[in-house]
N, C-alpha and C. Protein backbone atom coordinates (compact mmCIF):
# COMPACT_ATOMS: atom_id res chain seq x y z
N MET A 1 -13.21 -2.93 10.99
CA MET A 1 -12.54 -2.19 11.62
C MET A 1 -10.54 -2.10 10.85
N LYS A 2 -10.69 -3.39 10.92
CA LYS A 2 -9.27 -2.99 10.24
C LYS A 2 -9.21 -2.37 8.77
N LYS A 3 -10.00 -2.45 7.46
CA LYS A 3 -10.57 -1.32 6.70
C LYS A 3 -10.11 -0.08 6.87
N ILE A 4 -11.36 0.22 7.50
CA ILE A 4 -11.35 1.42 8.16
C ILE A 4 -9.76 2.00 8.79
N LEU A 5 -8.89 1.49 9.46
CA LEU A 5 -8.05 1.92 9.80
C LEU A 5 -7.07 1.61 8.62
N SER A 6 -6.82 1.40 7.61
CA SER A 6 -6.23 1.36 6.39
C SER A 6 -6.41 2.55 5.63
N TYR A 7 -7.89 3.15 5.43
CA TYR A 7 -8.22 4.46 4.79
C TYR A 7 -7.79 5.09 5.95
N ILE A 8 -7.76 5.26 7.03
CA ILE A 8 -6.90 6.44 7.68
C ILE A 8 -5.83 6.43 7.90
N LEU A 9 -5.22 5.37 8.39
CA LEU A 9 -3.86 5.79 8.47
C LEU A 9 -2.98 5.87 7.23
N ILE A 10 -3.48 5.56 5.92
CA ILE A 10 -2.51 5.89 4.98
C ILE A 10 -2.86 7.39 4.48
N THR A 11 -3.71 7.90 5.27
CA THR A 11 -4.32 9.44 4.54
C THR A 11 -3.06 10.27 5.51
N PRO A 12 -1.83 10.78 5.05
CA PRO A 12 -0.85 12.03 5.79
C PRO A 12 -1.51 13.37 5.22
N MET A 13 -1.56 13.97 6.13
CA MET A 13 -1.42 15.47 6.90
C MET A 13 -2.46 15.74 5.87
N LEU A 14 -2.09 17.05 5.13
CA LEU A 14 -3.17 17.42 4.28
C LEU A 14 -3.24 17.01 2.76
N LEU A 15 -2.39 16.01 2.73
CA LEU A 15 -2.03 15.12 1.55
C LEU A 15 -3.34 14.08 1.18
N ILE A 16 -4.07 14.23 0.10
CA ILE A 16 -5.62 13.41 0.08
C ILE A 16 -5.07 12.92 -1.28
N TRP A 17 -5.60 14.13 -2.07
CA TRP A 17 -5.80 13.19 -3.86
C TRP A 17 -4.50 13.73 -4.91
N SER A 18 -4.21 12.81 -5.26
CA SER A 18 -3.04 13.02 -6.62
C SER A 18 -3.70 13.69 -7.50
N ASN A 19 -2.88 14.87 -8.22
CA ASN A 19 -3.09 15.83 -9.45
C ASN A 19 -2.22 15.62 -10.60
N SER A 20 -3.11 14.97 -11.76
CA SER A 20 -1.87 14.31 -12.58
C SER A 20 -0.89 15.89 -13.59
N LEU A 21 -1.62 17.07 -13.10
CA LEU A 21 -0.54 17.84 -13.39
C LEU A 21 0.59 18.24 -12.57
N LEU A 22 0.87 17.86 -11.51
CA LEU A 22 1.81 17.67 -10.74
C LEU A 22 2.53 16.40 -10.79
N ALA A 23 1.89 15.67 -10.99
CA ALA A 23 2.29 13.89 -11.46
C ALA A 23 3.21 14.08 -13.04
N SER A 24 2.91 14.69 -13.58
CA SER A 24 3.73 14.79 -14.88
C SER A 24 4.68 15.74 -14.50
N GLU A 25 4.67 16.83 -13.53
CA GLU A 25 6.15 17.95 -13.07
C GLU A 25 7.03 16.83 -12.61
N ILE A 26 6.63 16.05 -11.28
CA ILE A 26 7.72 15.83 -10.78
C ILE A 26 7.81 13.69 -10.52
N VAL A 27 6.93 13.69 -11.59
CA VAL A 27 6.37 12.25 -11.95
C VAL A 27 6.41 11.47 -10.46
N TYR A 28 5.41 10.11 -10.83
CA TYR A 28 4.90 9.49 -9.44
C TYR A 28 6.82 8.32 -9.26
N GLY A 29 7.19 8.46 -10.09
CA GLY A 29 8.25 7.30 -10.07
C GLY A 29 8.23 5.92 -10.69
N VAL A 30 9.28 5.04 -10.85
CA VAL A 30 8.91 3.85 -11.06
C VAL A 30 10.01 2.88 -10.50
N ILE A 31 9.19 1.46 -10.43
CA ILE A 31 10.01 0.69 -9.42
C ILE A 31 10.88 -0.43 -11.22
N GLU A 32 11.86 -0.43 -10.40
CA GLU A 32 13.25 -1.43 -11.29
C GLU A 32 13.73 -1.99 -10.91
N ASN A 33 13.66 -3.19 -11.26
CA ASN A 33 14.57 -4.12 -10.48
C ASN A 33 14.11 -3.86 -8.91
N ASN A 34 13.26 -4.06 -8.29
CA ASN A 34 12.46 -3.89 -7.34
C ASN A 34 13.10 -2.80 -6.39
N ILE A 35 13.49 -1.50 -6.83
CA ILE A 35 14.10 -0.30 -6.42
C ILE A 35 13.27 0.43 -6.70
N TYR A 36 12.39 1.30 -5.86
CA TYR A 36 11.65 2.77 -6.29
C TYR A 36 12.61 3.51 -6.82
N LYS A 37 12.30 4.18 -8.31
CA LYS A 37 13.20 5.39 -8.19
C LYS A 37 12.30 6.70 -8.32
N ASN A 38 12.93 7.69 -7.89
CA ASN A 38 12.35 9.34 -8.69
C ASN A 38 12.79 10.15 -8.73
N SER A 39 13.12 10.33 -10.05
CA SER A 39 13.80 11.15 -10.89
C SER A 39 14.23 13.11 -10.16
N TYR A 40 12.98 13.16 -9.77
CA TYR A 40 12.66 14.60 -9.79
C TYR A 40 13.59 14.85 -8.42
N PHE A 41 13.07 13.83 -7.66
CA PHE A 41 13.92 14.01 -6.04
C PHE A 41 15.24 13.29 -5.68
N ASN A 42 15.58 12.74 -7.17
CA ASN A 42 16.91 11.99 -7.49
C ASN A 42 16.92 10.86 -5.91
N ILE A 43 15.88 10.06 -5.85
CA ILE A 43 15.62 9.27 -4.47
C ILE A 43 15.64 7.76 -5.10
N ALA A 44 15.67 6.33 -3.95
CA ALA A 44 15.80 5.46 -4.98
C ALA A 44 15.78 5.00 -3.41
N LEU A 45 14.87 3.76 -3.49
CA LEU A 45 14.20 2.90 -1.85
C LEU A 45 14.08 1.38 -2.64
N PRO A 46 14.89 0.84 -2.48
CA PRO A 46 14.26 -0.67 -2.49
C PRO A 46 13.20 -1.04 -1.81
N VAL A 47 12.46 -1.73 -2.87
CA VAL A 47 11.06 -2.28 -2.08
C VAL A 47 11.45 -3.48 -1.20
N PRO A 48 10.51 -3.23 -0.12
CA PRO A 48 11.04 -4.19 1.01
C PRO A 48 10.26 -5.92 0.55
N GLU A 49 10.86 -6.76 0.91
CA GLU A 49 10.97 -8.01 0.17
C GLU A 49 10.07 -8.48 0.71
N GLN A 50 8.69 -8.87 -0.70
CA GLN A 50 7.23 -9.72 0.09
C GLN A 50 6.53 -8.85 0.13
N TRP A 51 6.75 -7.19 0.64
CA TRP A 51 5.42 -6.42 0.52
C TRP A 51 4.57 -6.24 -0.02
N SER A 52 3.54 -5.81 0.02
CA SER A 52 3.09 -5.33 -0.92
C SER A 52 2.91 -4.08 -1.69
N VAL A 53 2.90 -3.83 -2.86
CA VAL A 53 2.79 -2.52 -3.51
C VAL A 53 1.27 -2.01 -3.82
N GLN A 54 0.90 -0.96 -3.49
CA GLN A 54 -0.22 -0.66 -3.59
C GLN A 54 -0.24 0.62 -4.89
N SER A 55 -1.33 0.09 -6.11
CA SER A 55 -1.07 0.63 -7.37
C SER A 55 -1.74 2.19 -7.10
N LYS A 56 -1.67 2.90 -8.07
CA LYS A 56 -2.12 4.06 -7.86
C LYS A 56 -3.69 4.12 -7.49
N ALA A 57 -4.13 3.52 -8.30
CA ALA A 57 -5.94 3.50 -8.17
C ALA A 57 -6.53 3.19 -6.85
N ALA A 58 -5.21 2.14 -6.44
CA ALA A 58 -5.43 1.59 -4.82
C ALA A 58 -5.10 2.51 -3.77
N ILE A 59 -3.93 3.62 -4.16
CA ILE A 59 -3.72 4.55 -3.06
C ILE A 59 -5.09 5.61 -2.94
N ASN A 60 -5.26 5.84 -4.32
CA ASN A 60 -6.17 6.96 -4.45
C ASN A 60 -7.53 6.65 -4.01
N GLU A 61 -7.89 5.25 -4.24
CA GLU A 61 -8.78 4.99 -3.20
C GLU A 61 -8.90 5.34 -1.90
N LEU A 62 -7.90 4.71 -1.17
CA LEU A 62 -7.54 4.78 -0.02
C LEU A 62 -7.55 6.18 0.63
N VAL A 63 -6.89 7.03 -0.03
CA VAL A 63 -6.70 8.37 0.80
C VAL A 63 -7.95 9.21 0.42
N GLU A 64 -9.13 8.49 -0.13
CA GLU A 64 -10.12 9.69 -0.48
C GLU A 64 -11.17 9.44 0.54
N ILE A 65 -11.20 8.21 0.35
CA ILE A 65 -12.03 7.67 1.68
C ILE A 65 -11.28 8.02 3.29
N GLY A 66 -9.95 7.96 2.97
CA GLY A 66 -9.52 8.45 4.53
C GLY A 66 -10.04 9.91 4.69
N GLY A 67 -9.48 11.23 3.53
CA GLY A 67 -9.83 12.20 4.03
C GLY A 67 -11.29 12.33 4.47
N GLU A 68 -12.40 11.19 3.88
CA GLU A 68 -13.89 11.27 4.28
C GLU A 68 -13.77 11.50 5.72
N LEU A 69 -13.36 10.13 6.13
CA LEU A 69 -13.47 9.74 7.54
C LEU A 69 -12.54 10.87 8.32
N ILE A 70 -11.96 11.59 7.96
CA ILE A 70 -11.13 12.23 8.91
C ILE A 70 -11.51 13.75 8.88
N ALA A 71 -12.19 14.23 7.86
CA ALA A 71 -13.32 15.60 8.14
C ALA A 71 -14.70 15.27 8.36
N GLY A 72 -15.05 14.03 8.59
CA GLY A 72 -16.41 13.71 8.79
C GLY A 72 -17.94 14.92 8.39
N ASP A 73 -18.24 15.74 8.98
CA ASP A 73 -19.13 16.26 8.61
C ASP A 73 -19.31 17.71 8.86
N ASP A 74 -17.57 18.02 8.56
CA ASP A 74 -17.11 19.46 9.26
C ASP A 74 -16.96 19.74 7.57
N GLN A 75 -17.64 21.12 7.07
CA GLN A 75 -17.68 21.37 5.83
C GLN A 75 -16.18 22.17 5.60
N ASN A 76 -16.07 23.39 6.47
CA ASN A 76 -14.70 23.70 6.21
C ASN A 76 -13.29 22.48 6.00
N LEU A 77 -13.43 21.35 6.86
CA LEU A 77 -11.96 20.31 6.79
C LEU A 77 -12.08 19.75 5.37
N LYS A 78 -13.50 20.07 5.25
CA LYS A 78 -13.72 19.09 3.80
C LYS A 78 -12.97 19.89 2.91
N ALA A 79 -13.36 21.04 2.53
CA ALA A 79 -12.96 22.18 1.89
C ALA A 79 -11.51 22.40 1.64
N ILE A 80 -11.08 22.49 2.93
CA ILE A 80 -9.39 21.98 2.55
C ILE A 80 -8.89 21.36 1.96
N ILE A 81 -8.82 20.17 2.43
CA ILE A 81 -9.14 18.84 2.33
C ILE A 81 -8.43 18.78 0.33
N LYS A 82 -9.90 19.14 0.46
CA LYS A 82 -10.30 19.10 -1.25
C LYS A 82 -9.45 20.43 -1.81
N GLU A 83 -8.51 21.04 -1.41
CA GLU A 83 -8.10 22.19 -2.02
C GLU A 83 -6.50 21.57 -1.82
N SER A 84 -6.40 20.40 -1.03
CA SER A 84 -5.15 19.94 -1.12
C SER A 84 -4.83 18.87 -2.15
N GLU A 85 -5.98 18.59 -2.71
CA GLU A 85 -5.62 18.05 -4.56
C GLU A 85 -4.68 18.46 -5.39
N LYS A 86 -4.99 20.07 -5.40
CA LYS A 86 -4.16 20.63 -6.57
C LYS A 86 -2.97 20.61 -5.96
N GLN A 87 -2.38 20.08 -4.99
CA GLN A 87 -1.05 20.31 -4.60
C GLN A 87 -0.39 19.28 -4.72
N THR A 88 -0.77 17.65 -4.16
CA THR A 88 -0.54 17.15 -3.99
C THR A 88 0.09 15.54 -4.80
N VAL A 89 1.03 15.35 -4.88
CA VAL A 89 1.03 13.78 -5.47
C VAL A 89 1.00 12.56 -5.08
N ASN A 90 1.05 11.59 -4.22
CA ASN A 90 1.11 10.11 -3.74
C ASN A 90 1.48 9.74 -4.37
N MET A 91 2.96 9.16 -3.86
CA MET A 91 4.44 8.98 -4.96
C MET A 91 4.11 7.16 -4.91
N PHE A 92 4.12 6.68 -3.50
CA PHE A 92 4.28 4.86 -3.58
C PHE A 92 3.61 5.20 -1.75
N ALA A 93 3.19 3.55 -1.99
CA ALA A 93 2.70 3.02 -0.46
C ALA A 93 2.75 1.25 -0.58
N PHE A 94 3.59 1.10 0.74
CA PHE A 94 4.23 -0.18 0.63
C PHE A 94 3.52 -0.55 1.73
N PHE A 95 2.54 -1.63 1.79
CA PHE A 95 1.98 -2.45 2.81
C PHE A 95 2.86 -3.67 3.23
N LYS A 96 3.09 -4.21 4.56
CA LYS A 96 3.47 -5.76 4.70
C LYS A 96 3.01 -6.75 4.54
N PHE A 97 1.61 -6.81 4.16
CA PHE A 97 0.70 -7.60 3.77
C PHE A 97 -0.27 -7.11 2.75
N GLU A 98 -0.74 -7.88 1.98
CA GLU A 98 -1.89 -7.51 1.11
C GLU A 98 -2.71 -6.93 1.79
N GLN A 99 -3.92 -6.05 1.18
CA GLN A 99 -4.90 -5.50 1.88
C GLN A 99 -5.92 -6.82 2.08
N GLY A 100 -6.81 -6.75 3.04
CA GLY A 100 -7.54 -7.84 3.41
C GLY A 100 -6.70 -9.17 4.45
N SER A 101 -5.92 -9.56 4.40
CA SER A 101 -4.73 -10.22 4.83
C SER A 101 -5.73 -10.32 6.11
N PRO A 102 -5.12 -11.89 7.40
CA PRO A 102 -5.85 -11.91 8.53
C PRO A 102 -4.57 -11.89 9.11
N VAL A 103 -4.51 -10.72 9.63
CA VAL A 103 -3.57 -10.14 10.57
C VAL A 103 -4.28 -9.14 11.00
N GLU A 104 -3.74 -8.66 12.55
CA GLU A 104 -3.70 -8.01 13.39
C GLU A 104 -3.72 -6.48 12.95
N PHE A 105 -2.55 -6.41 12.00
CA PHE A 105 -2.29 -5.27 11.98
C PHE A 105 -1.05 -5.27 11.05
N ASN A 106 -1.50 -3.99 10.08
CA ASN A 106 -0.68 -3.68 8.55
C ASN A 106 0.13 -2.80 8.64
N PRO A 107 1.55 -3.15 8.75
CA PRO A 107 2.66 -1.80 8.94
C PRO A 107 2.47 -1.18 7.87
N SER A 108 2.67 -0.03 7.34
CA SER A 108 2.68 0.33 5.65
C SER A 108 4.03 1.56 6.05
N ILE A 109 4.43 2.20 4.62
CA ILE A 109 5.49 3.40 4.39
C ILE A 109 4.76 3.68 3.74
N MET A 110 4.70 5.49 3.26
CA MET A 110 4.56 5.76 2.01
C MET A 110 5.20 7.01 2.16
N ALA A 111 4.97 7.70 1.00
CA ALA A 111 5.32 8.91 0.30
C ALA A 111 5.06 9.63 -0.47
N VAL A 112 4.92 10.69 -0.31
CA VAL A 112 4.25 11.84 -0.90
C VAL A 112 4.99 12.96 -0.71
N ALA A 113 3.90 13.81 -2.11
CA ALA A 113 4.93 15.38 -1.69
C ALA A 113 4.08 16.27 -2.38
N GLU A 114 4.32 17.33 -1.81
CA GLU A 114 3.22 18.41 -1.99
C GLU A 114 3.99 19.59 -2.29
N ARG A 115 3.27 20.59 -3.37
CA ARG A 115 3.93 21.70 -3.83
C ARG A 115 3.08 22.73 -2.59
N VAL A 116 4.12 23.40 -2.25
CA VAL A 116 4.35 24.51 -1.32
C VAL A 116 4.92 25.92 -1.43
N THR A 117 5.16 26.55 -2.77
CA THR A 117 5.24 27.31 -3.60
C THR A 117 4.61 28.74 -2.80
N HIS A 118 2.99 28.56 -2.52
CA HIS A 118 2.15 29.31 -2.50
C HIS A 118 2.57 29.55 -0.52
N MET A 119 3.16 28.70 0.16
CA MET A 119 3.44 29.51 1.85
C MET A 119 5.42 29.33 1.75
N PRO A 120 5.60 30.39 0.90
CA PRO A 120 6.78 30.48 1.47
C PRO A 120 7.81 30.63 2.87
N GLY A 121 6.63 30.83 3.47
CA GLY A 121 7.13 30.27 4.91
C GLY A 121 7.82 28.90 5.19
N ILE A 122 7.58 27.78 5.11
CA ILE A 122 7.92 26.76 4.77
C ILE A 122 9.00 26.63 4.22
N LYS A 123 9.92 26.61 4.98
CA LYS A 123 11.53 26.32 4.80
C LYS A 123 11.99 25.09 5.00
N ARG A 124 11.31 24.03 6.04
CA ARG A 124 11.68 22.93 6.43
C ARG A 124 11.12 21.83 6.73
N GLY A 125 11.11 21.20 7.12
CA GLY A 125 9.62 19.90 7.86
C GLY A 125 8.93 20.27 8.79
N SER A 126 9.59 21.11 9.72
CA SER A 126 8.52 21.57 11.11
C SER A 126 7.37 22.56 11.05
N ASP A 127 8.38 23.43 9.75
CA ASP A 127 7.14 24.13 9.16
C ASP A 127 6.27 24.02 9.13
N TYR A 128 6.71 22.39 8.01
CA TYR A 128 5.14 22.26 7.42
C TYR A 128 4.53 21.82 8.44
N PHE A 129 4.93 20.76 9.72
CA PHE A 129 4.25 20.23 10.52
C PHE A 129 3.21 21.21 11.70
N PHE A 130 3.93 22.43 11.82
CA PHE A 130 3.24 23.24 12.23
C PHE A 130 1.63 23.35 11.69
N HIS A 131 1.51 23.57 10.45
CA HIS A 131 0.26 23.74 9.77
C HIS A 131 -0.28 22.77 9.57
N MET A 132 0.34 21.35 9.24
CA MET A 132 -0.42 19.96 9.54
C MET A 132 -1.48 19.72 10.82
N LYS A 133 -0.36 19.96 11.79
CA LYS A 133 -1.22 19.55 13.46
C LYS A 133 -2.33 20.80 13.50
N LYS A 134 -2.40 21.63 12.70
CA LYS A 134 -3.73 22.22 13.20
C LYS A 134 -4.86 21.69 12.80
N ILE A 135 -4.58 21.31 11.29
CA ILE A 135 -5.60 20.39 10.38
C ILE A 135 -6.17 19.16 11.57
N LEU A 136 -4.67 18.41 11.81
CA LEU A 136 -5.19 17.14 12.46
C LEU A 136 -5.99 16.94 13.74
N GLN A 137 -5.36 18.20 14.75
CA GLN A 137 -6.44 18.40 15.48
C GLN A 137 -7.65 18.39 15.73
N VAL A 138 -8.17 19.44 14.06
CA VAL A 138 -9.77 19.27 14.46
C VAL A 138 -9.90 18.24 13.36
N SER A 139 -9.68 17.08 13.40
CA SER A 139 -10.31 16.01 12.40
C SER A 139 -11.23 15.17 13.16
N GLN A 140 -11.82 14.36 12.72
CA GLN A 140 -12.33 13.22 13.39
C GLN A 140 -12.26 12.34 13.95
N ILE A 141 -10.87 12.05 13.89
CA ILE A 141 -9.75 11.00 14.59
C ILE A 141 -8.93 11.69 15.59
N GLN A 142 -8.82 11.31 16.61
CA GLN A 142 -8.30 11.76 18.07
C GLN A 142 -6.71 11.13 17.33
N TYR A 143 -5.85 12.16 16.85
CA TYR A 143 -4.55 12.30 16.74
C TYR A 143 -3.78 13.36 18.69
N THR A 144 -2.90 12.48 19.15
CA THR A 144 -2.11 13.19 19.88
C THR A 144 -0.61 13.37 19.20
N PHE A 145 0.10 14.32 20.06
CA PHE A 145 1.04 14.80 19.26
C PHE A 145 2.34 14.95 20.42
N SER A 146 2.84 14.01 21.70
CA SER A 146 3.33 13.40 22.92
C SER A 146 4.81 13.67 23.39
N LYS A 147 5.19 13.92 21.96
CA LYS A 147 6.30 13.61 21.46
C LYS A 147 7.15 14.89 20.70
N GLU A 148 8.16 15.26 21.00
CA GLU A 148 8.63 16.73 20.46
C GLU A 148 9.15 16.18 19.15
N ILE A 149 9.09 17.28 18.06
CA ILE A 149 9.74 17.21 16.88
C ILE A 149 11.34 16.89 16.81
N TYR A 150 11.37 15.77 16.37
CA TYR A 150 12.91 15.97 16.01
C TYR A 150 13.79 15.73 14.77
N SER A 151 15.20 15.63 14.40
CA SER A 151 15.74 15.80 13.22
C SER A 151 16.33 14.88 13.12
N GLU A 152 16.52 14.13 11.70
CA GLU A 152 17.18 12.76 11.46
C GLU A 152 17.89 13.14 9.80
N ASP A 153 18.79 12.37 9.95
CA ASP A 153 20.12 12.42 8.40
C ASP A 153 19.46 11.24 8.04
N LEU A 154 18.78 11.17 6.91
CA LEU A 154 18.51 10.19 5.75
C LEU A 154 19.45 10.26 4.22
N SER A 155 20.43 9.82 4.30
CA SER A 155 21.37 9.45 3.26
C SER A 155 22.02 10.95 2.39
N GLY A 156 22.14 11.51 4.39
CA GLY A 156 22.69 13.24 4.20
C GLY A 156 21.89 14.40 3.91
N VAL A 157 20.69 13.61 4.08
CA VAL A 157 19.65 14.74 3.97
C VAL A 157 18.93 15.03 5.39
N ALA A 158 19.05 16.06 5.88
CA ALA A 158 18.09 16.14 7.06
C ALA A 158 16.63 16.60 6.96
N PHE A 159 16.00 15.56 7.47
CA PHE A 159 14.71 15.58 7.70
C PHE A 159 14.15 15.95 9.34
N ASP A 160 13.51 16.78 9.27
CA ASP A 160 12.41 16.57 10.54
C ASP A 160 11.30 15.29 10.77
N VAL A 161 11.10 14.89 12.06
CA VAL A 161 10.39 14.04 12.34
C VAL A 161 9.39 14.25 13.27
N MET A 162 8.12 13.90 13.01
CA MET A 162 7.22 14.47 13.99
C MET A 162 6.26 13.08 14.48
N PRO A 163 6.48 12.58 15.82
CA PRO A 163 5.78 11.55 15.99
C PRO A 163 4.27 11.73 16.46
N SER A 164 3.56 10.52 15.94
CA SER A 164 1.74 10.97 16.46
C SER A 164 1.80 9.68 17.05
N GLU A 165 0.25 9.64 17.71
CA GLU A 165 -0.53 8.48 18.11
C GLU A 165 -2.39 8.65 17.45
N ILE A 166 -2.62 7.62 16.75
CA ILE A 166 -3.86 8.02 16.28
C ILE A 166 -4.41 6.53 17.41
N ASN A 167 -6.01 7.18 18.00
CA ASN A 167 -6.61 6.49 19.19
C ASN A 167 -8.17 6.53 18.22
N ILE A 168 -8.42 5.36 17.80
CA ILE A 168 -9.74 4.84 17.31
C ILE A 168 -10.33 3.24 17.79
N ALA A 169 -11.62 3.60 18.92
CA ALA A 169 -11.86 2.23 18.77
C ALA A 169 -11.29 1.61 19.92
N ASN A 170 -10.46 2.25 20.93
CA ASN A 170 -9.64 1.90 22.22
C ASN A 170 -8.31 1.12 21.10
N ILE A 171 -8.16 1.30 20.32
CA ILE A 171 -6.79 0.87 19.50
C ILE A 171 -6.07 2.20 19.13
N THR A 172 -4.83 2.07 19.27
CA THR A 172 -3.76 3.01 19.40
C THR A 172 -2.84 2.71 18.30
N VAL A 173 -2.68 3.12 17.46
CA VAL A 173 -1.91 3.37 16.54
C VAL A 173 -0.71 4.56 16.17
N ASN A 174 0.65 4.41 16.03
CA ASN A 174 1.76 5.11 16.00
C ASN A 174 1.89 5.77 14.47
N GLN A 175 2.17 6.86 14.22
CA GLN A 175 2.85 7.10 12.74
C GLN A 175 4.17 7.69 13.23
N GLU A 176 5.17 7.83 12.49
CA GLU A 176 6.22 8.93 12.09
C GLU A 176 6.39 9.26 10.76
N TYR A 177 5.98 10.64 10.97
CA TYR A 177 6.27 11.80 9.49
C TYR A 177 7.44 11.92 9.57
N TYR A 178 7.86 12.04 8.08
CA TYR A 178 9.15 12.34 7.89
C TYR A 178 9.32 14.05 6.95
N ALA A 179 9.71 14.64 6.65
CA ALA A 179 9.41 15.75 5.95
C ALA A 179 10.71 16.46 5.29
N ALA A 180 10.94 16.82 4.44
CA ALA A 180 12.06 17.66 4.14
C ALA A 180 11.63 18.90 2.75
N ARG A 181 12.03 19.78 2.64
CA ARG A 181 11.38 20.70 1.50
C ARG A 181 12.86 20.41 0.67
N HIS A 182 12.68 20.34 -0.34
CA HIS A 182 13.14 20.33 -1.79
C HIS A 182 12.56 21.08 -2.77
N GLU A 183 13.16 21.79 -3.35
CA GLU A 183 12.95 22.89 -4.25
C GLU A 183 11.33 23.33 -3.86
N ASP A 184 10.49 23.05 -4.88
CA ASP A 184 9.34 23.71 -4.48
C ASP A 184 7.99 23.10 -3.67
N TYR A 185 9.17 21.95 -2.76
CA TYR A 185 7.88 20.99 -3.34
C TYR A 185 8.54 20.17 -1.50
N VAL A 186 7.55 19.98 -0.89
CA VAL A 186 7.71 19.04 0.68
C VAL A 186 7.38 17.56 0.23
N LEU A 187 9.13 17.01 0.61
CA LEU A 187 8.89 15.49 0.17
C LEU A 187 8.76 14.88 2.02
N SER A 188 7.63 13.94 1.96
CA SER A 188 7.38 12.82 3.13
C SER A 188 7.54 11.81 2.93
N PHE A 189 7.66 11.28 4.13
CA PHE A 189 7.71 9.59 4.33
C PHE A 189 6.87 9.60 5.60
N ILE A 190 5.69 8.45 5.79
CA ILE A 190 5.12 8.53 6.64
C ILE A 190 4.99 6.58 7.30
N LEU A 191 5.72 6.80 8.30
CA LEU A 191 5.31 4.99 8.46
C LEU A 191 4.23 4.83 10.01
N THR A 192 3.68 3.99 9.32
CA THR A 192 2.65 3.62 10.16
C THR A 192 2.92 2.05 10.91
N TYR A 193 2.69 2.11 12.37
CA TYR A 193 3.03 0.80 13.28
C TYR A 193 2.12 0.72 14.18
N LYS A 194 2.08 -0.76 15.16
CA LYS A 194 1.69 -0.66 16.24
C LYS A 194 2.56 -0.93 17.40
N THR A 195 3.66 -1.80 17.08
CA THR A 195 4.80 -2.29 17.90
C THR A 195 6.49 -2.14 17.46
N ASP A 196 7.29 -2.15 18.52
CA ASP A 196 8.50 -1.73 18.41
C ASP A 196 8.74 -2.20 17.51
N SER A 197 8.85 -3.15 17.49
CA SER A 197 9.14 -4.53 16.10
C SER A 197 8.73 -3.89 14.87
N GLU A 198 7.87 -3.04 14.86
CA GLU A 198 7.21 -2.97 13.30
C GLU A 198 7.77 -1.38 13.52
N GLN A 199 8.10 -0.82 14.19
CA GLN A 199 8.57 0.32 14.17
C GLN A 199 9.84 0.38 13.59
N GLN A 200 10.48 -0.60 14.04
CA GLN A 200 11.85 -1.46 13.99
C GLN A 200 12.34 -1.47 12.59
N GLU A 201 11.60 -2.00 12.09
CA GLU A 201 11.47 -2.79 10.61
C GLU A 201 10.79 -1.49 9.71
N LEU A 202 9.97 -0.67 10.01
CA LEU A 202 9.74 -0.06 9.05
C LEU A 202 10.99 1.40 8.74
N ARG A 203 11.66 1.57 9.77
CA ARG A 203 13.07 2.67 10.08
C ARG A 203 14.28 1.93 9.27
N ASP A 204 14.13 0.46 9.40
CA ASP A 204 15.33 -0.14 8.47
C ASP A 204 15.46 -0.20 7.22
N ILE A 205 13.64 -0.54 6.69
CA ILE A 205 13.14 -0.29 5.58
C ILE A 205 13.88 1.60 4.96
N LEU A 206 13.29 2.80 5.96
CA LEU A 206 14.01 3.80 5.25
C LEU A 206 15.28 4.18 5.69
N SER A 207 15.94 3.49 6.26
CA SER A 207 17.56 3.57 6.44
C SER A 207 18.29 3.44 5.03
N GLN A 208 17.64 2.42 4.33
CA GLN A 208 18.07 1.88 2.66
C GLN A 208 17.80 3.33 1.53
N LEU A 209 17.31 4.11 1.84
CA LEU A 209 17.11 5.52 1.15
C LEU A 209 18.17 6.32 0.84
N SER A 210 18.49 6.63 -0.46
CA SER A 210 19.53 7.08 -1.13
C SER A 210 19.08 8.21 -1.75
N PHE A 211 19.65 9.48 -2.46
CA PHE A 211 19.70 10.64 -2.66
C PHE A 211 20.88 10.68 -3.77
N SER A 212 20.74 10.97 -4.97
CA SER A 212 21.72 10.71 -5.83
C SER A 212 21.57 12.13 -6.49
N ASN A 213 23.07 12.86 -6.83
CA ASN A 213 23.39 14.20 -7.24
C ASN A 213 23.12 14.07 -8.83
């Protein structure tokens, strides 16, 4: 069950597979001196001390299987998810514990970027969430969105935030999606947790995000 939850919970929105051409354009980013940096978005984020940094291969495996779990036998949804591979780069994923650790739950923070030039009506994160919810509400996993979308400033940049809950096998897990339009892309951060203390820990990590000019 824990492994299935990892597959599902790391799968954000329509963002399923990485694309090498996009990755060369915006780059995955690098970790130097324990700080994640991405020159396209001009962001820097300290890697949480003692957290597990997922490799590109590990992220791709998790999100690919997660996409399959979300789509189930729905061929239309599978096609939508498959199409997203042309537009998306998975930038990083940090888990509090190594995969397979004997813990009840493994909180995580992930960053992804999706090209949205083909959808000029997406001006900000809340526009992106409108389309995202349409997909998640027909997925094979039970998502609920009981809280309103709100805005939050991260290092001087306005992000829209959408809280959500996932229910599977009588387990409820929380996610918070942060999204902002940046040139041709939507930059997103996804926090996944169960408890209030885990939520605060993830928010404290994200609060260290910085943008440079």
